[in-house]
Amino acid sequence: MQSNLDFMVKKNAKSKAVTVPVKKILIAQQRPGSEQSPYFDLSKKFGLEIDFHPFISLVPISGKEFRKQKIDIQKYSSIIFTSRNAIDHFFRTCDELKIVVSQDAKYFCITEPIALYLQKFINYRKRKVFYGTDGTNNSLFEVVNKHKSNESFLYVCSENQQDNGICNWLKTNNCEFVLGFMYRTESNNVKNVLTQNKYNVICFFTPSGVKSLFDNVPEFKQNGTVIGAFGENTIKAVEEAGLRISIKAPLPKSPSMITALDIYFSNSK
């Protein structure tokens, strides 16, 4: 698949290069439900055309199917979440199985926004909620390390979870833990989206999204396409796929993909 270069360069009479910023962006997520989304502010600010197409679908694992994993949720004193989807499916599973989570349960989240999402399900102030400072696995490990004594961890994740280092760290540090598969990911059919459009930037948010790219277009060549990736595990998946990353988040100066895109296009001027 051919892609535009991230910058088109023209020369004037004096041979001075004039850069023209990229224009067409693909966000591998669902379109925001509100027109007040910062993505649309970004579009106006830089004159961008932003398309939204989720590359994956999440399929819930039923409570009946979850029972086959023989996991007693109430046995675990701490829950690890690396996404809002994991939170949604954890509480869905608990509701389906009529499980009441202990008031003393601790929650460890990879970012503050994910931690704040817990407010949808729990009385946040009365619970013990912890999160990493910069969205990396290492910052999550630092928090877990401070509280791991006498704790048992339930790591809620996808059935087709790619190894993201968290399991290895828990094993290495002799933590009692179990993987709780409460949903699975499936690649969406986005072949026409990718082959019938020439996107200057594609932004990924999950390793499964990167896999979906090649499920849909196995012959995909990056050429000049700028790649953005959110999250340490997504960045790793992009690099392992042999793609170059120009936009990364979260970082201290770019805690969100929107901030990272803003910085990228500001610098591109």
Protein backbone atom coordinates (compact mmCIF):
# COMPACT_ATOMS: atom_id res chain seq x y z
CA MET A 1 0.00 0.00 0.00
CA GLN A 2 1.39 3.36 -0.98
CA SER A 3 1.31 6.22 1.51
CA ASN A 4 2.00 9.91 1.33
CA LEU A 5 5.22 11.21 2.77
CA ASP A 6 4.73 12.83 6.12
CA PHE A 7 5.99 16.06 4.62
CA MET A 8 5.82 17.29 1.04
CA VAL A 9 8.72 19.53 0.17
CA LYS A 10 8.66 22.24 -2.44
CA LYS A 11 11.40 24.64 -3.42
CA ASN A 12 10.95 28.27 -4.27
CA ALA A 13 13.05 30.36 -6.63
CA LYS A 14 15.78 30.73 -4.00
CA SER A 15 15.83 26.93 -3.41
CA LYS A 16 14.58 27.33 0.16
CA ALA A 17 12.57 24.33 1.33
CA VAL A 18 8.96 25.00 2.28
CA THR A 19 7.30 22.24 4.33
CA VAL A 20 3.63 21.43 4.03
CA PRO A 21 2.22 19.69 7.13
CA VAL A 22 0.51 16.33 6.80
CA LYS A 23 -3.24 16.47 6.52
CA LYS A 24 -4.98 13.10 6.79
CA ILE A 25 -4.93 11.21 10.10
CA LEU A 26 -6.34 7.79 11.00
CA ILE A 27 -7.17 7.13 14.65
CA ALA A 28 -7.59 3.39 15.27
CA GLN A 29 -10.41 3.93 17.73
CA GLN A 30 -14.14 4.60 17.80
CA ARG A 31 -15.19 8.14 16.88
CA PRO A 32 -15.72 10.24 20.03
CA GLY A 33 -19.34 10.51 21.06
CA SER A 34 -19.11 14.25 21.64
CA GLU A 35 -18.23 16.98 19.17
CA GLN A 36 -16.44 18.63 22.10
CA SER A 37 -13.62 16.09 21.83
CA PRO A 38 -10.13 17.62 21.80
CA TYR A 39 -9.52 15.70 18.55
CA PHE A 40 -11.83 18.11 16.76
CA ASP A 41 -10.07 21.10 18.32
CA LEU A 42 -6.83 19.62 17.00
CA SER A 43 -8.37 19.25 13.56
CA LYS A 44 -9.32 22.93 13.44
CA LYS A 45 -6.02 24.11 14.88
CA PHE A 46 -3.88 22.43 12.22
CA GLY A 47 -6.35 21.98 9.36
CA LEU A 48 -6.34 18.20 9.68
CA GLU A 49 -8.75 15.62 8.32
CA ILE A 50 -9.17 13.03 11.09
CA ASP A 51 -10.88 9.68 10.50
CA PHE A 52 -11.83 7.23 13.25
CA HIS A 53 -12.01 3.50 12.60
CA PRO A 54 -11.62 0.92 15.40
CA PHE A 55 -9.20 -1.78 14.28
CA ILE A 56 -10.43 -4.32 16.83
CA SER A 57 -13.60 -5.46 18.54
CA LEU A 58 -13.82 -6.72 22.11
CA VAL A 59 -15.89 -9.84 22.61
CA PRO A 60 -17.00 -10.51 26.20
CA ILE A 61 -16.27 -13.87 27.78
CA SER A 62 -19.47 -14.95 29.50
CA GLY A 63 -19.63 -15.66 33.19
CA LYS A 64 -20.30 -19.31 32.40
CA GLU A 65 -17.17 -19.49 30.27
CA PHE A 66 -15.15 -17.57 32.86
CA ARG A 67 -15.99 -20.19 35.50
CA LYS A 68 -13.97 -22.71 33.48
CA GLN A 69 -10.85 -20.77 34.47
CA LYS A 70 -11.58 -21.77 38.07
CA ILE A 71 -10.71 -18.34 39.44
CA ASP A 72 -12.25 -17.23 42.72
CA ILE A 73 -12.35 -13.44 42.24
CA GLN A 74 -13.00 -12.81 45.92
CA LYS A 75 -9.79 -14.66 46.82
CA TYR A 76 -7.64 -11.88 45.36
CA SER A 77 -6.98 -8.76 47.37
CA SER A 78 -5.70 -6.61 44.49
CA ILE A 79 -6.82 -6.09 40.89
CA ILE A 80 -4.54 -4.88 38.07
CA PHE A 81 -6.02 -2.89 35.18
CA THR A 82 -4.19 -1.63 32.09
CA SER A 83 -7.25 -0.36 30.21
CA ARG A 84 -10.77 0.94 30.70
CA ASN A 85 -12.04 -2.06 28.75
CA ALA A 86 -10.58 -4.35 31.40
CA ILE A 87 -12.47 -2.40 34.07
CA ASP A 88 -15.74 -2.65 32.13
CA HIS A 89 -15.42 -6.41 31.68
CA PHE A 90 -14.30 -7.03 35.26
CA PHE A 91 -17.41 -5.44 36.75
CA ARG A 92 -19.61 -6.96 34.04
CA THR A 93 -18.31 -10.39 34.99
CA CYS A 94 -18.82 -9.70 38.69
CA ASP A 95 -22.42 -8.61 38.04
CA GLU A 96 -23.09 -11.65 35.88
CA LEU A 97 -21.73 -14.01 38.53
CA LYS A 98 -23.34 -12.01 41.35
CA ILE A 99 -19.97 -11.44 42.99
CA VAL A 100 -19.57 -8.60 45.47
CA VAL A 101 -16.05 -7.20 45.44
CA SER A 102 -14.61 -6.59 48.89
CA GLN A 103 -14.57 -3.02 50.17
CA ASP A 104 -10.93 -3.62 51.08
CA ALA A 105 -9.86 -4.53 47.55
CA LYS A 106 -6.96 -2.55 46.10
CA TYR A 107 -6.82 -1.43 42.48
CA PHE A 108 -3.59 -0.90 40.56
CA CYS A 109 -3.91 0.99 37.27
CA ILE A 110 -1.28 1.82 34.68
CA THR A 111 -2.41 5.48 34.32
CA GLU A 112 -4.36 8.02 36.32
CA PRO A 113 -7.16 8.36 33.70
CA ILE A 114 -7.77 4.61 33.93
CA ALA A 115 -7.78 4.85 37.72
CA LEU A 116 -10.31 7.70 37.60
CA TYR A 117 -12.53 5.58 35.34
CA LEU A 118 -13.12 3.35 38.38
CA GLN A 119 -15.43 6.07 39.70
CA LYS A 120 -18.03 4.70 37.30
CA PHE A 121 -18.20 1.52 39.39
CA ILE A 122 -16.95 2.23 42.91
CA ASN A 123 -16.93 4.87 45.59
CA TYR A 124 -13.47 6.08 44.66
CA ARG A 125 -12.66 7.84 47.93
CA LYS A 126 -13.33 4.79 50.06
CA ARG A 127 -11.29 2.43 47.96
CA LYS A 128 -7.56 1.99 47.69
CA VAL A 129 -6.59 3.02 44.17
CA PHE A 130 -3.01 3.32 42.91
CA TYR A 131 -1.60 4.22 39.51
CA GLY A 132 1.67 4.73 37.69
CA THR A 133 3.02 8.22 37.22
CA ASP A 134 3.83 8.13 33.50
CA GLY A 135 1.88 5.28 31.93
CA THR A 136 4.84 2.90 31.66
CA ASN A 137 5.06 -0.61 33.02
CA ASN A 138 7.97 0.45 35.22
CA SER A 139 5.94 3.16 36.95
CA LEU A 140 3.20 0.59 37.61
CA PHE A 141 5.79 -1.82 38.99
CA GLU A 142 7.07 0.85 41.38
CA VAL A 143 3.59 1.28 42.84
CA VAL A 144 2.89 -2.45 43.06
CA ASN A 145 6.28 -3.04 44.66
CA LYS A 146 5.38 -0.75 47.55
CA HIS A 147 2.22 -2.71 48.37
CA LYS A 148 2.92 -6.26 47.23
CA SER A 149 3.50 -7.72 50.70
CA ASN A 150 0.70 -10.13 51.60
CA GLU A 151 -1.21 -9.18 48.46
CA SER A 152 -2.60 -11.52 45.81
CA PHE A 153 -3.19 -10.05 42.35
CA LEU A 154 -5.84 -10.64 39.71
CA TYR A 155 -4.60 -9.24 36.39
CA VAL A 156 -7.65 -8.65 34.18
CA CYS A 157 -6.80 -8.92 30.49
CA SER A 158 -7.74 -10.23 27.08
CA GLU A 159 -7.72 -13.94 26.34
CA ASN A 160 -5.31 -13.31 23.47
CA GLN A 161 -3.14 -11.11 25.66
CA GLN A 162 0.28 -10.49 24.20
CA ASP A 163 3.12 -10.76 26.72
CA ASN A 164 3.61 -7.23 27.99
CA GLY A 165 6.19 -7.73 30.70
CA ILE A 166 3.75 -7.43 33.59
CA CYS A 167 3.45 -11.20 34.04
CA ASN A 168 7.22 -11.62 33.94
CA TRP A 169 7.67 -8.92 36.55
CA LEU A 170 5.09 -10.46 38.86
CA LYS A 171 6.79 -13.85 38.53
CA THR A 172 10.29 -12.44 39.05
CA ASN A 173 9.16 -10.61 42.17
CA ASN A 174 7.44 -13.67 43.62
CA CYS A 175 3.98 -12.13 43.58
CA GLU A 176 0.94 -14.35 43.92
CA PHE A 177 -1.13 -13.63 40.82
CA VAL A 178 -3.44 -15.06 38.20
CA LEU A 179 -4.51 -13.88 34.75
CA GLY A 180 -8.25 -13.36 34.53
CA PHE A 181 -9.43 -13.57 30.92
CA MET A 182 -12.75 -11.71 30.74
CA TYR A 183 -12.80 -10.69 27.06
CA ARG A 184 -11.02 -11.42 23.78
CA THR A 185 -10.03 -9.21 20.86
CA GLU A 186 -10.89 -9.75 17.21
CA SER A 187 -9.55 -7.85 14.21
CA ASN A 188 -12.13 -5.71 12.41
CA ASN A 189 -12.37 -5.60 8.63
CA VAL A 190 -10.72 -2.27 7.83
CA LYS A 191 -9.03 -3.32 4.59
CA ASN A 192 -11.03 -0.90 2.45
CA VAL A 193 -10.32 1.93 4.89
CA LEU A 194 -6.58 1.31 4.58
CA THR A 195 -6.36 0.60 0.86
CA GLN A 196 -8.76 3.26 -0.42
CA ASN A 197 -7.28 6.13 1.59
CA LYS A 198 -3.80 7.56 1.81
CA TYR A 199 -3.23 8.41 5.45
CA ASN A 200 -0.24 10.47 6.45
CA VAL A 201 -0.50 9.42 10.10
CA ILE A 202 -1.91 6.26 11.71
CA CYS A 203 -2.27 6.13 15.51
CA PHE A 204 -2.48 2.83 17.40
CA PHE A 205 -3.63 2.25 20.97
CA THR A 206 -3.27 -1.50 21.48
CA PRO A 207 -0.95 -4.29 20.32
CA SER A 208 -4.05 -5.97 18.87
CA GLY A 209 -4.62 -2.91 16.70
CA VAL A 210 -1.16 -3.34 15.21
CA LYS A 211 -1.92 -7.00 14.55
CA SER A 212 -5.17 -6.00 12.86
CA LEU A 213 -3.25 -3.75 10.47
CA PHE A 214 -1.36 -6.73 9.08
CA ASP A 215 -4.38 -9.04 9.28
CA ASN A 216 -6.11 -6.65 6.89
CA VAL A 217 -3.13 -5.63 4.75
CA PRO A 218 -0.37 -8.26 5.07
CA GLU A 219 1.71 -6.47 2.45
CA PHE A 220 1.57 -3.13 4.28
CA LYS A 221 4.67 -1.00 3.75
CA GLN A 222 5.20 2.07 5.89
CA ASN A 223 7.02 4.17 3.30
CA GLY A 224 6.48 7.72 4.59
CA THR A 225 3.49 7.02 6.83
CA VAL A 226 3.98 8.52 10.28
CA ILE A 227 3.11 6.05 13.06
CA GLY A 228 1.82 7.06 16.49
CA ALA A 229 1.54 4.63 19.40
CA PHE A 230 -0.03 4.96 22.83
CA GLY A 231 1.26 2.80 25.66
CA GLU A 232 4.46 0.90 26.24
CA ASN A 233 3.00 -2.38 25.00
CA THR A 234 1.67 -0.81 21.81
CA ILE A 235 5.02 0.86 21.15
CA LYS A 236 6.72 -2.52 21.56
CA ALA A 237 4.26 -4.16 19.15
CA VAL A 238 4.83 -1.46 16.52
CA GLU A 239 8.60 -1.83 16.77
CA GLU A 240 8.41 -5.62 16.62
CA ALA A 241 6.34 -5.25 13.44
CA GLY A 242 9.28 -3.41 11.90
CA LEU A 243 7.61 0.01 11.80
CA ARG A 244 9.16 3.33 12.79
CA ILE A 245 7.42 5.40 15.47
CA SER A 246 7.43 9.19 15.31
CA ILE A 247 4.71 9.93 17.88
CA LYS A 248 4.74 8.32 21.34
CA ALA A 249 2.50 8.65 24.39
CA PRO A 250 2.20 8.73 27.28
CA LEU A 251 5.33 10.68 28.09
CA PRO A 252 5.90 13.38 30.73
CA LYS A 253 5.25 16.14 28.16
CA SER A 254 2.61 14.19 26.24
CA PRO A 255 0.37 12.25 28.63
CA SER A 256 -2.25 11.66 25.92
CA MET A 257 -2.21 10.93 22.20
CA ILE A 258 -3.92 14.27 21.59
CA THR A 259 -1.11 16.10 23.37
CA ALA A 260 1.50 14.08 21.46
CA LEU A 261 -0.15 14.94 18.14
CA ASP A 262 -0.35 18.62 19.13
CA ILE A 263 3.37 18.68 19.90
CA TYR A 264 4.21 16.82 16.68
CA PHE A 265 2.29 19.19 14.44
CA SER A 266 3.50 22.26 16.31
CA ASN A 267 7.08 21.15 15.72
CA SER A 268 6.26 20.30 12.11
CA LYS A 269 5.44 23.93 11.40
